[in-house]
């Protein structure tokens, strides 16, 4: 049975790189993936999924009102889909997450979603909330804080690197606007390292907390 997957992380953990690698793996075997990206995420240009290491691919741009089940159904009927890959999945609505579950259940097409878990205030995004609730498989993609610990949170920063605690939940930006940090530095509001750099950071499954 096809499953709904949610791969989550803080910023700059390689979510888009992982998605693009998955798409390449399918295409290399002659299978067709459908790449989806929300219209709100226009940082890299409309209809483009791009990674920090220079990989990119074209994608279908969807609105928050779009039925992803119908979109996938139409694409699947015109040419069989091997999988659906969704970038910036935190921007999905509750209804769209439900529809992606229907894609897996009714169309028997696996759906792999990639996104942030929480915003700069430490609150869940709507899409992430319901992916955490409804996905069959939930996997963390790890990255590190400037102190060397595993980064699990995101700070919004101003042009001087100072943390911003207020404002709208959604503000599309990159390294100039956000930094990934551990919970300790998220709570203290630090955006720069005030401790000696660690020579090595273990972010494997067996890493110390």
N, C-alpha and C. Protein backbone atom coordinates (compact mmCIF):
# COMPACT_ATOMS: atom_id res chain seq x y z
N UNK A 1 0.84 -1.20 0.00
CA UNK A 1 0.00 0.00 0.00
C UNK A 1 0.87 1.24 0.00
N UNK A 2 0.51 2.23 -0.81
CA UNK A 2 1.26 3.48 -0.87
C UNK A 2 1.11 4.23 0.45
N UNK A 3 2.11 5.03 0.79
CA UNK A 3 2.12 5.74 2.07
C UNK A 3 2.32 7.24 1.87
N UNK A 4 1.94 7.99 2.89
CA UNK A 4 2.20 9.42 2.98
C UNK A 4 3.38 9.62 3.91
N UNK A 5 4.44 10.26 3.41
CA UNK A 5 5.67 10.47 4.16
C UNK A 5 5.83 11.96 4.49
N UNK A 6 6.37 12.24 5.67
CA UNK A 6 6.71 13.61 6.02
C UNK A 6 8.15 13.65 6.50
N UNK A 7 9.00 14.36 5.74
CA UNK A 7 10.39 14.59 6.11
C UNK A 7 10.50 16.04 6.58
N UNK A 8 10.86 16.22 7.85
CA UNK A 8 10.87 17.58 8.41
C UNK A 8 12.25 17.90 8.97
N UNK A 9 12.50 19.19 9.12
CA UNK A 9 13.76 19.64 9.72
C UNK A 9 13.68 21.12 9.99
N UNK A 10 14.76 21.67 10.53
CA UNK A 10 14.93 23.11 10.62
C UNK A 10 15.44 23.61 9.25
N UNK A 11 15.76 24.89 9.15
CA UNK A 11 16.26 25.45 7.89
C UNK A 11 17.62 24.86 7.55
N UNK A 12 17.91 24.81 6.25
CA UNK A 12 19.23 24.46 5.73
C UNK A 12 19.70 23.07 6.14
N UNK A 13 18.77 22.13 6.17
CA UNK A 13 19.15 20.74 6.47
C UNK A 13 19.24 19.89 5.21
N UNK A 14 18.89 20.46 4.08
CA UNK A 14 18.97 19.72 2.82
C UNK A 14 17.67 19.08 2.39
N UNK A 15 16.54 19.64 2.82
CA UNK A 15 15.25 19.06 2.45
C UNK A 15 15.05 19.06 0.93
N UNK A 16 15.29 20.20 0.29
CA UNK A 16 15.09 20.29 -1.15
C UNK A 16 16.10 19.43 -1.90
N UNK A 17 17.32 19.34 -1.39
CA UNK A 17 18.32 18.48 -2.00
C UNK A 17 17.87 17.03 -1.96
N UNK A 18 17.33 16.61 -0.82
CA UNK A 18 16.85 15.24 -0.67
C UNK A 18 15.68 14.97 -1.61
N UNK A 19 14.77 15.94 -1.73
CA UNK A 19 13.64 15.80 -2.66
C UNK A 19 14.13 15.66 -4.09
N UNK A 20 15.05 16.52 -4.50
CA UNK A 20 15.55 16.49 -5.86
C UNK A 20 16.32 15.21 -6.16
N UNK A 21 17.01 14.70 -5.17
CA UNK A 21 17.71 13.42 -5.35
C UNK A 21 16.71 12.29 -5.54
N UNK A 22 15.62 12.33 -4.76
CA UNK A 22 14.57 11.31 -4.91
C UNK A 22 13.96 11.38 -6.31
N UNK A 23 13.69 12.60 -6.79
CA UNK A 23 13.13 12.76 -8.13
C UNK A 23 14.08 12.21 -9.19
N UNK A 24 15.35 12.48 -9.03
CA UNK A 24 16.36 11.99 -9.98
C UNK A 24 16.40 10.46 -9.98
N UNK A 25 16.32 9.86 -8.80
CA UNK A 25 16.35 8.41 -8.70
C UNK A 25 15.19 7.77 -9.46
N UNK A 26 13.99 8.35 -9.32
CA UNK A 26 12.83 7.83 -10.04
C UNK A 26 13.01 8.00 -11.56
N UNK A 27 13.42 9.19 -11.97
CA UNK A 27 13.56 9.47 -13.40
C UNK A 27 14.64 8.60 -14.03
N UNK A 28 15.71 8.34 -13.29
CA UNK A 28 16.80 7.52 -13.82
C UNK A 28 16.33 6.11 -14.15
N UNK A 29 15.28 5.67 -13.46
CA UNK A 29 14.73 4.33 -13.68
C UNK A 29 13.53 4.34 -14.62
N UNK A 30 13.31 5.47 -15.27
CA UNK A 30 12.23 5.57 -16.24
C UNK A 30 10.86 5.76 -15.61
N UNK A 31 10.82 6.15 -14.35
CA UNK A 31 9.56 6.36 -13.64
C UNK A 31 9.28 7.86 -13.53
N UNK A 32 8.01 8.21 -13.44
CA UNK A 32 7.63 9.62 -13.47
C UNK A 32 7.22 10.13 -12.10
N UNK A 33 7.98 11.08 -11.53
CA UNK A 33 7.55 11.75 -10.30
C UNK A 33 6.81 13.04 -10.65
N UNK A 34 5.88 13.44 -9.79
CA UNK A 34 5.24 14.75 -9.92
C UNK A 34 5.75 15.62 -8.79
N UNK A 35 6.40 16.72 -9.14
CA UNK A 35 6.94 17.65 -8.15
C UNK A 35 5.95 18.79 -7.95
N UNK A 36 5.66 19.10 -6.69
CA UNK A 36 4.72 20.17 -6.34
C UNK A 36 5.41 21.19 -5.45
N UNK A 37 5.12 22.47 -5.68
CA UNK A 37 5.65 23.53 -4.83
C UNK A 37 4.57 24.60 -4.65
N UNK A 38 4.41 25.15 -3.45
CA UNK A 38 3.36 26.16 -3.21
C UNK A 38 3.70 27.49 -3.86
N UNK A 39 2.66 28.18 -4.35
CA UNK A 39 2.90 29.45 -5.04
C UNK A 39 3.48 30.50 -4.10
N UNK A 40 3.27 30.36 -2.80
CA UNK A 40 3.80 31.33 -1.85
C UNK A 40 5.32 31.29 -1.81
N UNK A 41 5.91 30.16 -2.22
CA UNK A 41 7.36 30.01 -2.17
C UNK A 41 7.96 30.39 -3.53
N UNK A 42 8.11 31.70 -3.75
CA UNK A 42 8.59 32.21 -5.05
C UNK A 42 10.03 32.68 -4.99
N UNK A 43 10.74 32.32 -3.92
CA UNK A 43 12.10 32.83 -3.73
C UNK A 43 13.03 32.45 -4.88
N UNK A 44 12.88 31.22 -5.40
CA UNK A 44 13.76 30.74 -6.46
C UNK A 44 13.13 30.87 -7.84
N UNK A 45 11.99 31.57 -7.92
CA UNK A 45 11.28 31.71 -9.18
C UNK A 45 10.08 30.78 -9.22
N UNK A 46 9.06 31.19 -9.94
CA UNK A 46 7.84 30.40 -10.00
C UNK A 46 8.09 29.06 -10.68
N UNK A 47 7.58 28.01 -10.07
CA UNK A 47 7.67 26.69 -10.67
C UNK A 47 9.04 26.07 -10.63
N UNK A 48 9.88 26.47 -9.69
CA UNK A 48 11.22 25.93 -9.57
C UNK A 48 11.48 25.48 -8.13
N UNK A 49 11.98 24.26 -7.99
CA UNK A 49 12.49 23.80 -6.69
C UNK A 49 14.00 23.82 -6.79
N UNK A 50 14.65 24.55 -5.90
CA UNK A 50 16.09 24.73 -5.96
C UNK A 50 16.72 24.44 -4.61
N UNK A 51 17.90 23.85 -4.64
CA UNK A 51 18.62 23.56 -3.40
C UNK A 51 19.81 24.49 -3.26
N UNK A 52 20.35 24.56 -2.05
CA UNK A 52 21.48 25.45 -1.78
C UNK A 52 22.75 25.01 -2.50
N UNK A 53 22.82 23.74 -2.89
CA UNK A 53 24.04 23.26 -3.54
C UNK A 53 23.95 23.34 -5.07
N UNK A 54 22.88 23.99 -5.57
CA UNK A 54 22.80 24.27 -6.99
C UNK A 54 21.90 23.37 -7.81
N UNK A 55 21.29 22.36 -7.20
CA UNK A 55 20.36 21.50 -7.93
C UNK A 55 19.02 22.20 -8.07
N UNK A 56 18.33 21.93 -9.17
CA UNK A 56 17.00 22.50 -9.33
C UNK A 56 16.19 21.67 -10.33
N UNK A 57 14.87 21.83 -10.26
CA UNK A 57 13.98 21.12 -11.17
C UNK A 57 12.69 21.89 -11.27
N UNK A 58 12.00 21.70 -12.38
CA UNK A 58 10.70 22.34 -12.57
C UNK A 58 9.64 21.61 -11.75
N UNK A 59 8.62 22.35 -11.32
CA UNK A 59 7.58 21.76 -10.49
C UNK A 59 6.24 22.43 -10.80
N UNK A 60 5.18 21.70 -10.52
CA UNK A 60 3.83 22.27 -10.62
C UNK A 60 3.59 23.20 -9.43
N UNK A 61 3.17 24.42 -9.70
CA UNK A 61 2.89 25.39 -8.64
C UNK A 61 1.42 25.26 -8.25
N UNK A 62 1.17 25.09 -6.95
CA UNK A 62 -0.21 24.98 -6.49
C UNK A 62 -0.58 26.11 -5.54
N UNK A 63 -1.85 26.48 -5.57
CA UNK A 63 -2.37 27.49 -4.66
C UNK A 63 -2.96 26.81 -3.43
N UNK A 64 -3.25 27.59 -2.41
CA UNK A 64 -3.81 27.04 -1.18
C UNK A 64 -5.25 26.57 -1.37
N UNK A 65 -5.90 27.02 -2.44
CA UNK A 65 -7.27 26.61 -2.71
C UNK A 65 -7.35 25.43 -3.68
N UNK A 66 -6.22 25.03 -4.22
CA UNK A 66 -6.21 23.97 -5.23
C UNK A 66 -6.45 22.60 -4.60
N UNK A 67 -7.19 21.76 -5.30
CA UNK A 67 -7.38 20.38 -4.86
C UNK A 67 -6.21 19.55 -5.35
N UNK A 68 -5.36 19.14 -4.45
CA UNK A 68 -4.19 18.36 -4.84
C UNK A 68 -4.58 16.94 -5.26
N UNK A 69 -5.68 16.45 -4.73
CA UNK A 69 -6.17 15.14 -5.16
C UNK A 69 -6.55 15.18 -6.64
N UNK A 70 -7.28 16.22 -7.03
CA UNK A 70 -7.70 16.33 -8.43
C UNK A 70 -6.50 16.58 -9.34
N UNK A 71 -5.57 17.40 -8.89
CA UNK A 71 -4.36 17.65 -9.68
C UNK A 71 -3.60 16.35 -9.92
N UNK A 72 -3.41 15.58 -8.86
CA UNK A 72 -2.68 14.31 -8.98
C UNK A 72 -3.47 13.29 -9.78
N UNK A 73 -4.79 13.30 -9.62
CA UNK A 73 -5.63 12.37 -10.37
C UNK A 73 -5.52 12.63 -11.88
N UNK A 74 -5.57 13.91 -12.26
CA UNK A 74 -5.46 14.26 -13.67
C UNK A 74 -4.09 13.90 -14.23
N UNK A 75 -3.04 14.21 -13.47
CA UNK A 75 -1.68 13.88 -13.92
C UNK A 75 -1.50 12.37 -14.04
N UNK A 76 -2.06 11.63 -13.10
CA UNK A 76 -1.92 10.17 -13.07
C UNK A 76 -2.68 9.52 -14.23
N UNK A 77 -3.83 10.11 -14.60
CA UNK A 77 -4.61 9.55 -15.69
C UNK A 77 -3.98 9.81 -17.05
N UNK A 78 -3.24 10.93 -17.16
CA UNK A 78 -2.60 11.25 -18.44
C UNK A 78 -1.31 10.46 -18.64
N UNK A 79 -0.58 10.25 -17.55
CA UNK A 79 0.64 9.44 -17.58
C UNK A 79 0.93 8.97 -16.16
N UNK A 80 1.08 7.68 -16.00
CA UNK A 80 1.18 7.07 -14.67
C UNK A 80 2.26 7.73 -13.81
N UNK A 81 1.89 8.04 -12.57
CA UNK A 81 2.83 8.64 -11.61
C UNK A 81 3.45 7.55 -10.74
N UNK A 82 4.75 7.66 -10.53
CA UNK A 82 5.43 6.75 -9.62
C UNK A 82 5.40 7.27 -8.19
N UNK A 83 5.38 8.62 -8.06
CA UNK A 83 5.32 9.23 -6.73
C UNK A 83 4.98 10.70 -6.88
N UNK A 84 4.61 11.31 -5.76
CA UNK A 84 4.38 12.76 -5.68
C UNK A 84 5.35 13.31 -4.65
N UNK A 85 6.09 14.36 -5.00
CA UNK A 85 7.07 14.99 -4.13
C UNK A 85 6.65 16.43 -3.87
N UNK A 86 6.49 16.79 -2.61
CA UNK A 86 5.98 18.12 -2.25
C UNK A 86 7.05 18.90 -1.48
N UNK A 87 7.46 20.03 -2.01
CA UNK A 87 8.42 20.90 -1.35
C UNK A 87 7.71 21.92 -0.49
N UNK A 88 8.38 22.41 0.57
CA UNK A 88 7.82 23.43 1.46
C UNK A 88 6.43 23.02 1.96
N UNK A 89 6.34 21.79 2.44
CA UNK A 89 5.04 21.21 2.82
C UNK A 89 4.41 21.88 4.03
N UNK A 90 5.18 22.68 4.76
CA UNK A 90 4.59 23.39 5.91
C UNK A 90 3.49 24.36 5.47
N UNK A 91 3.50 24.76 4.19
CA UNK A 91 2.51 25.71 3.69
C UNK A 91 1.22 25.05 3.22
N UNK A 92 1.14 23.74 3.27
CA UNK A 92 -0.10 23.05 2.92
C UNK A 92 -1.21 23.41 3.90
N UNK A 93 -2.44 23.34 3.42
CA UNK A 93 -3.59 23.49 4.32
C UNK A 93 -3.98 22.13 4.88
N UNK A 94 -4.79 22.14 5.90
CA UNK A 94 -5.29 20.89 6.47
C UNK A 94 -5.99 20.05 5.39
N UNK A 95 -6.81 20.69 4.58
CA UNK A 95 -7.53 19.97 3.54
C UNK A 95 -6.57 19.34 2.54
N UNK A 96 -5.52 20.06 2.18
CA UNK A 96 -4.57 19.53 1.21
C UNK A 96 -3.78 18.35 1.77
N UNK A 97 -3.45 18.39 3.06
CA UNK A 97 -2.79 17.23 3.67
C UNK A 97 -3.71 16.01 3.61
N UNK A 98 -4.99 16.23 3.90
CA UNK A 98 -5.98 15.15 3.81
C UNK A 98 -6.03 14.60 2.38
N UNK A 99 -5.99 15.50 1.40
CA UNK A 99 -6.03 15.08 0.00
C UNK A 99 -4.79 14.29 -0.40
N UNK A 100 -3.65 14.66 0.13
CA UNK A 100 -2.43 13.91 -0.18
C UNK A 100 -2.51 12.50 0.40
N UNK A 101 -3.17 12.38 1.54
CA UNK A 101 -3.44 11.05 2.07
C UNK A 101 -4.33 10.26 1.13
N UNK A 102 -5.31 10.95 0.51
CA UNK A 102 -6.19 10.30 -0.47
C UNK A 102 -5.42 9.86 -1.71
N UNK A 103 -4.42 10.65 -2.10
CA UNK A 103 -3.59 10.27 -3.25
C UNK A 103 -2.92 8.92 -2.98
N UNK A 104 -2.39 8.77 -1.77
CA UNK A 104 -1.76 7.50 -1.41
C UNK A 104 -2.80 6.38 -1.30
N UNK A 105 -3.94 6.67 -0.69
CA UNK A 105 -4.94 5.63 -0.41
C UNK A 105 -5.77 5.26 -1.63
N UNK A 106 -6.19 6.25 -2.42
CA UNK A 106 -7.11 6.00 -3.53
C UNK A 106 -6.38 5.77 -4.85
N UNK A 107 -5.27 6.50 -5.07
CA UNK A 107 -4.54 6.35 -6.32
C UNK A 107 -3.38 5.37 -6.19
N UNK A 108 -3.07 4.97 -4.98
CA UNK A 108 -1.94 4.06 -4.70
C UNK A 108 -0.62 4.64 -5.19
N UNK A 109 -0.48 5.96 -5.02
CA UNK A 109 0.75 6.65 -5.40
C UNK A 109 1.40 7.18 -4.12
N UNK A 110 2.63 6.78 -3.81
CA UNK A 110 3.28 7.30 -2.60
C UNK A 110 3.51 8.81 -2.68
N UNK A 111 3.34 9.48 -1.55
CA UNK A 111 3.49 10.93 -1.47
C UNK A 111 4.59 11.25 -0.45
N UNK A 112 5.62 11.94 -0.90
CA UNK A 112 6.74 12.32 -0.04
C UNK A 112 6.73 13.83 0.12
N UNK A 113 6.53 14.29 1.35
CA UNK A 113 6.47 15.73 1.62
C UNK A 113 7.68 16.16 2.44
N UNK A 114 8.15 17.37 2.18
CA UNK A 114 9.35 17.90 2.84
C UNK A 114 9.06 19.31 3.34
N UNK A 115 9.33 19.58 4.62
CA UNK A 115 9.05 20.92 5.11
C UNK A 115 9.57 21.17 6.51
N UNK A 116 9.37 22.38 6.97
CA UNK A 116 9.70 22.77 8.33
C UNK A 116 8.65 22.23 9.29
N UNK A 117 9.05 21.99 10.52
CA UNK A 117 8.08 21.57 11.53
C UNK A 117 7.47 22.78 12.22
N UNK A 118 8.31 23.71 12.65
CA UNK A 118 7.82 24.87 13.41
C UNK A 118 8.30 26.18 12.79
N UNK A 119 7.60 27.26 13.16
CA UNK A 119 7.96 28.59 12.66
C UNK A 119 8.94 29.26 13.61
N UNK A 120 9.19 30.55 13.37
CA UNK A 120 10.19 31.29 14.16
C UNK A 120 9.73 31.54 15.60
N UNK A 121 8.45 31.28 15.89
CA UNK A 121 7.95 31.42 17.25
C UNK A 121 7.91 30.09 18.00
N UNK A 122 8.26 29.02 17.29
CA UNK A 122 8.20 27.69 17.88
C UNK A 122 6.83 27.05 17.75
N UNK A 123 5.94 27.62 16.94
CA UNK A 123 4.61 27.07 16.72
C UNK A 123 4.59 26.22 15.46
N UNK A 124 3.74 25.20 15.45
CA UNK A 124 3.60 24.37 14.27
C UNK A 124 2.95 25.15 13.12
N UNK A 125 3.42 24.93 11.90
CA UNK A 125 2.69 25.37 10.73
C UNK A 125 1.47 24.48 10.55
N UNK A 126 0.46 24.97 9.85
CA UNK A 126 -0.75 24.16 9.64
C UNK A 126 -0.43 22.87 8.89
N UNK A 127 0.33 22.98 7.82
CA UNK A 127 0.67 21.79 7.06
C UNK A 127 1.45 20.78 7.88
N UNK A 128 2.42 21.26 8.63
CA UNK A 128 3.24 20.37 9.45
C UNK A 128 2.42 19.73 10.56
N UNK A 129 1.52 20.49 11.14
CA UNK A 129 0.68 19.95 12.21
C UNK A 129 -0.08 18.71 11.74
N UNK A 130 -0.68 18.80 10.56
CA UNK A 130 -1.52 17.69 10.12
C UNK A 130 -0.71 16.60 9.43
N UNK A 131 0.45 16.93 8.92
CA UNK A 131 1.34 15.87 8.45
C UNK A 131 1.86 15.05 9.62
N UNK A 132 2.20 15.71 10.72
CA UNK A 132 2.63 14.98 11.91
C UNK A 132 1.51 14.08 12.44
N UNK A 133 0.27 14.54 12.26
CA UNK A 133 -0.87 13.77 12.75
C UNK A 133 -1.24 12.62 11.83
N UNK A 134 -1.12 12.81 10.51
CA UNK A 134 -1.71 11.87 9.56
C UNK A 134 -0.72 11.09 8.70
N UNK A 135 0.54 11.51 8.65
CA UNK A 135 1.50 10.80 7.79
C UNK A 135 1.75 9.39 8.32
N UNK A 136 1.99 8.46 7.40
CA UNK A 136 2.32 7.09 7.78
C UNK A 136 3.74 6.99 8.31
N UNK A 137 4.63 7.76 7.71
CA UNK A 137 6.05 7.72 8.08
C UNK A 137 6.54 9.14 8.30
N UNK A 138 7.14 9.39 9.46
CA UNK A 138 7.66 10.72 9.82
C UNK A 138 9.15 10.60 10.09
N UNK A 139 9.96 11.37 9.37
CA UNK A 139 11.41 11.26 9.46
C UNK A 139 12.03 12.65 9.62
N UNK A 140 12.95 12.77 10.55
CA UNK A 140 13.67 14.03 10.74
C UNK A 140 14.93 14.05 9.89
N UNK A 141 15.14 15.15 9.18
CA UNK A 141 16.40 15.41 8.47
C UNK A 141 17.21 16.35 9.35
N UNK A 142 18.38 15.93 9.77
CA UNK A 142 19.10 16.65 10.82
C UNK A 142 20.05 17.71 10.28
N UNK A 143 20.21 18.77 11.05
CA UNK A 143 21.21 19.78 10.82
C UNK A 143 21.71 20.26 12.18
N UNK A 144 22.66 21.19 12.21
CA UNK A 144 23.27 21.58 13.48
C UNK A 144 23.17 23.07 13.75
N UNK A 145 23.15 23.40 15.02
CA UNK A 145 23.20 24.78 15.51
C UNK A 145 24.65 25.27 15.45
N UNK A 146 24.83 26.56 15.58
CA UNK A 146 26.19 27.12 15.59
C UNK A 146 27.01 26.64 16.76
N UNK A 147 26.37 26.11 17.81
CA UNK A 147 27.10 25.62 18.98
C UNK A 147 27.52 24.17 18.81
N UNK A 148 27.05 23.52 17.76
CA UNK A 148 27.40 22.13 17.51
C UNK A 148 26.33 21.13 17.88
N UNK A 149 25.32 21.57 18.66
CA UNK A 149 24.21 20.67 18.97
C UNK A 149 23.28 20.54 17.77
N UNK A 150 22.40 19.55 17.83
CA UNK A 150 21.41 19.39 16.77
C UNK A 150 20.46 20.58 16.78
N UNK A 151 20.22 21.17 15.60
CA UNK A 151 19.29 22.28 15.48
C UNK A 151 17.88 21.74 15.26
N UNK A 152 16.96 22.20 16.07
CA UNK A 152 15.56 21.77 15.96
C UNK A 152 14.60 22.93 15.77
N UNK A 153 15.08 24.16 15.92
CA UNK A 153 14.24 25.35 15.88
C UNK A 153 14.78 26.34 14.85
N UNK A 154 13.95 27.35 14.56
CA UNK A 154 14.34 28.38 13.60
C UNK A 154 14.12 29.75 14.22
N UNK A 155 15.13 30.61 14.13
CA UNK A 155 15.01 32.00 14.55
C UNK A 155 14.89 32.89 13.32
N UNK A 156 13.98 33.85 13.37
CA UNK A 156 13.94 34.90 12.34
C UNK A 156 14.85 36.03 12.80
N UNK A 157 15.68 36.53 11.91
CA UNK A 157 16.65 37.55 12.28
C UNK A 157 16.53 38.77 11.38
N UNK A 158 17.00 39.92 11.91
CA UNK A 158 17.01 41.14 11.11
C UNK A 158 18.35 41.25 10.37
N UNK A 159 18.58 42.37 9.71
CA UNK A 159 19.78 42.53 8.88
C UNK A 159 21.06 42.54 9.71
N UNK A 160 20.94 42.78 11.02
CA UNK A 160 22.12 42.79 11.89
C UNK A 160 22.28 41.46 12.63
N UNK A 161 21.45 40.49 12.32
CA UNK A 161 21.56 39.19 12.96
C UNK A 161 20.85 39.08 14.29
N UNK A 162 20.04 40.09 14.63
CA UNK A 162 19.31 40.06 15.89
C UNK A 162 17.99 39.31 15.72
N UNK A 163 17.61 38.48 16.70
CA UNK A 163 16.37 37.71 16.57
C UNK A 163 15.13 38.60 16.58
N UNK A 164 14.14 38.22 15.78
CA UNK A 164 12.86 38.90 15.71
C UNK A 164 11.81 37.97 16.31
N UNK A 165 11.06 38.45 17.28
CA UNK A 165 10.09 37.61 17.98
C UNK A 165 8.65 37.84 17.54
N UNK A 166 8.38 38.93 16.81
CA UNK A 166 7.01 39.23 16.42
C UNK A 166 6.86 39.28 14.92
N UNK A 167 5.60 39.36 14.47
CA UNK A 167 5.33 39.47 13.05
C UNK A 167 4.48 38.32 12.53
N UNK A 168 4.17 38.37 11.25
CA UNK A 168 3.37 37.34 10.61
C UNK A 168 4.12 36.01 10.61
N UNK A 169 3.35 34.91 10.64
CA UNK A 169 3.98 33.60 10.67
C UNK A 169 4.79 33.34 9.40
N UNK A 170 4.23 33.71 8.26
CA UNK A 170 4.86 33.38 6.99
C UNK A 170 5.56 34.59 6.41
N UNK A 171 6.87 34.46 6.24
CA UNK A 171 7.69 35.45 5.54
C UNK A 171 8.78 34.66 4.84
N UNK A 172 8.66 34.55 3.53
CA UNK A 172 9.59 33.73 2.77
C UNK A 172 10.96 34.39 2.77
N UNK A 173 11.99 33.62 3.08
CA UNK A 173 13.34 34.14 3.11
C UNK A 173 14.35 33.03 3.25
N UNK A 174 15.63 33.38 3.14
CA UNK A 174 16.71 32.41 3.23
C UNK A 174 17.61 32.71 4.41
N UNK A 175 18.92 32.55 4.19
CA UNK A 175 19.88 32.74 5.27
C UNK A 175 19.92 34.17 5.79
N UNK A 176 19.44 35.12 4.96
CA UNK A 176 19.44 36.51 5.41
C UNK A 176 18.31 36.77 6.42
N UNK A 177 17.36 35.85 6.51
CA UNK A 177 16.19 36.06 7.37
C UNK A 177 16.03 35.02 8.47
N UNK A 178 16.66 33.87 8.32
CA UNK A 178 16.45 32.77 9.27
C UNK A 178 17.76 32.07 9.60
N UNK A 179 17.81 31.51 10.80
CA UNK A 179 18.95 30.71 11.22
C UNK A 179 18.43 29.55 12.06
N UNK A 180 18.99 28.37 11.83
CA UNK A 180 18.60 27.18 12.57
C UNK A 180 19.42 27.08 13.85
N UNK A 181 18.74 26.80 14.96
CA UNK A 181 19.42 26.75 16.26
C UNK A 181 18.86 25.59 17.09
N UNK A 182 19.60 25.23 18.14
CA UNK A 182 19.11 24.25 19.10
C UNK A 182 18.05 24.91 20.00
N UNK A 183 17.38 24.09 20.79
CA UNK A 183 16.32 24.64 21.65
C UNK A 183 16.89 25.65 22.66
N UNK A 184 18.07 25.38 23.19
CA UNK A 184 18.65 26.28 24.19
C UNK A 184 18.87 27.67 23.59
N UNK A 185 19.44 27.75 22.39
CA UNK A 185 19.69 29.05 21.79
C UNK A 185 18.42 29.66 21.22
N UNK A 186 17.43 28.84 20.91
CA UNK A 186 16.13 29.41 20.52
C UNK A 186 15.52 30.12 21.72
N UNK A 187 15.57 29.50 22.88
CA UNK A 187 14.98 30.10 24.08
C UNK A 187 15.73 31.36 24.50
N UNK A 188 17.02 31.33 24.38
CA UNK A 188 17.80 32.51 24.80
C UNK A 188 17.81 33.59 23.73
N UNK A 189 17.37 33.24 22.52
CA UNK A 189 17.29 34.24 21.46
C UNK A 189 18.62 34.59 20.85
N UNK A 190 19.62 33.72 20.97
CA UNK A 190 20.93 34.00 20.40
C UNK A 190 20.96 33.61 18.94
N UNK A 191 21.53 34.47 18.11
CA UNK A 191 21.66 34.17 16.69
C UNK A 191 23.10 34.06 16.25
N UNK A 192 24.07 34.28 17.18
CA UNK A 192 25.48 34.13 16.87
C UNK A 192 26.12 33.28 17.95
N UNK A 193 27.21 32.67 17.64
CA UNK A 193 27.86 31.75 18.57
C UNK A 193 28.69 32.52 19.59
N UNK A 194 28.35 32.36 20.86
CA UNK A 194 29.13 33.01 21.91
C UNK A 194 29.95 31.97 22.69
N UNK A 195 30.07 30.76 22.12
CA UNK A 195 30.84 29.70 22.74
C UNK A 195 31.92 29.25 21.77
N UNK A 196 33.00 28.60 22.26
CA UNK A 196 34.02 28.08 21.35
C UNK A 196 33.41 27.07 20.40
N UNK A 197 33.85 27.10 19.14
CA UNK A 197 33.33 26.16 18.17
C UNK A 197 33.75 24.74 18.52
N UNK A 198 32.86 23.81 18.33
CA UNK A 198 33.16 22.41 18.58
C UNK A 198 33.83 21.83 17.34
N UNK A 199 34.85 20.96 17.52
CA UNK A 199 35.54 20.41 16.37
C UNK A 199 34.70 19.41 15.59
N UNK A 200 33.67 18.81 16.22
CA UNK A 200 32.89 17.80 15.55
C UNK A 200 31.51 17.75 16.16
N UNK A 201 30.51 17.60 15.34
CA UNK A 201 29.14 17.49 15.84
C UNK A 201 28.53 16.21 15.32
N UNK A 202 28.08 15.35 16.21
CA UNK A 202 27.48 14.08 15.84
C UNK A 202 25.98 14.25 15.75
N UNK A 203 25.43 14.17 14.52
CA UNK A 203 23.98 14.30 14.35
C UNK A 203 23.39 13.00 13.85
N UNK A 204 24.04 11.90 14.16
CA UNK A 204 23.51 10.60 13.78
C UNK A 204 22.37 10.22 14.70
N UNK A 205 21.75 9.08 14.44
CA UNK A 205 20.63 8.62 15.24
C UNK A 205 21.04 8.45 16.70
N UNK A 206 22.33 8.14 16.94
CA UNK A 206 22.80 7.89 18.29
C UNK A 206 23.47 9.10 18.93
N UNK A 207 23.27 10.28 18.35
CA UNK A 207 23.89 11.48 18.90
C UNK A 207 23.39 11.75 20.31
N UNK A 208 24.27 12.27 21.13
CA UNK A 208 23.88 12.63 22.49
C UNK A 208 22.94 13.80 22.46
N UNK A 209 21.95 13.86 23.35
CA UNK A 209 21.00 14.98 23.34
C UNK A 209 21.67 16.28 23.74
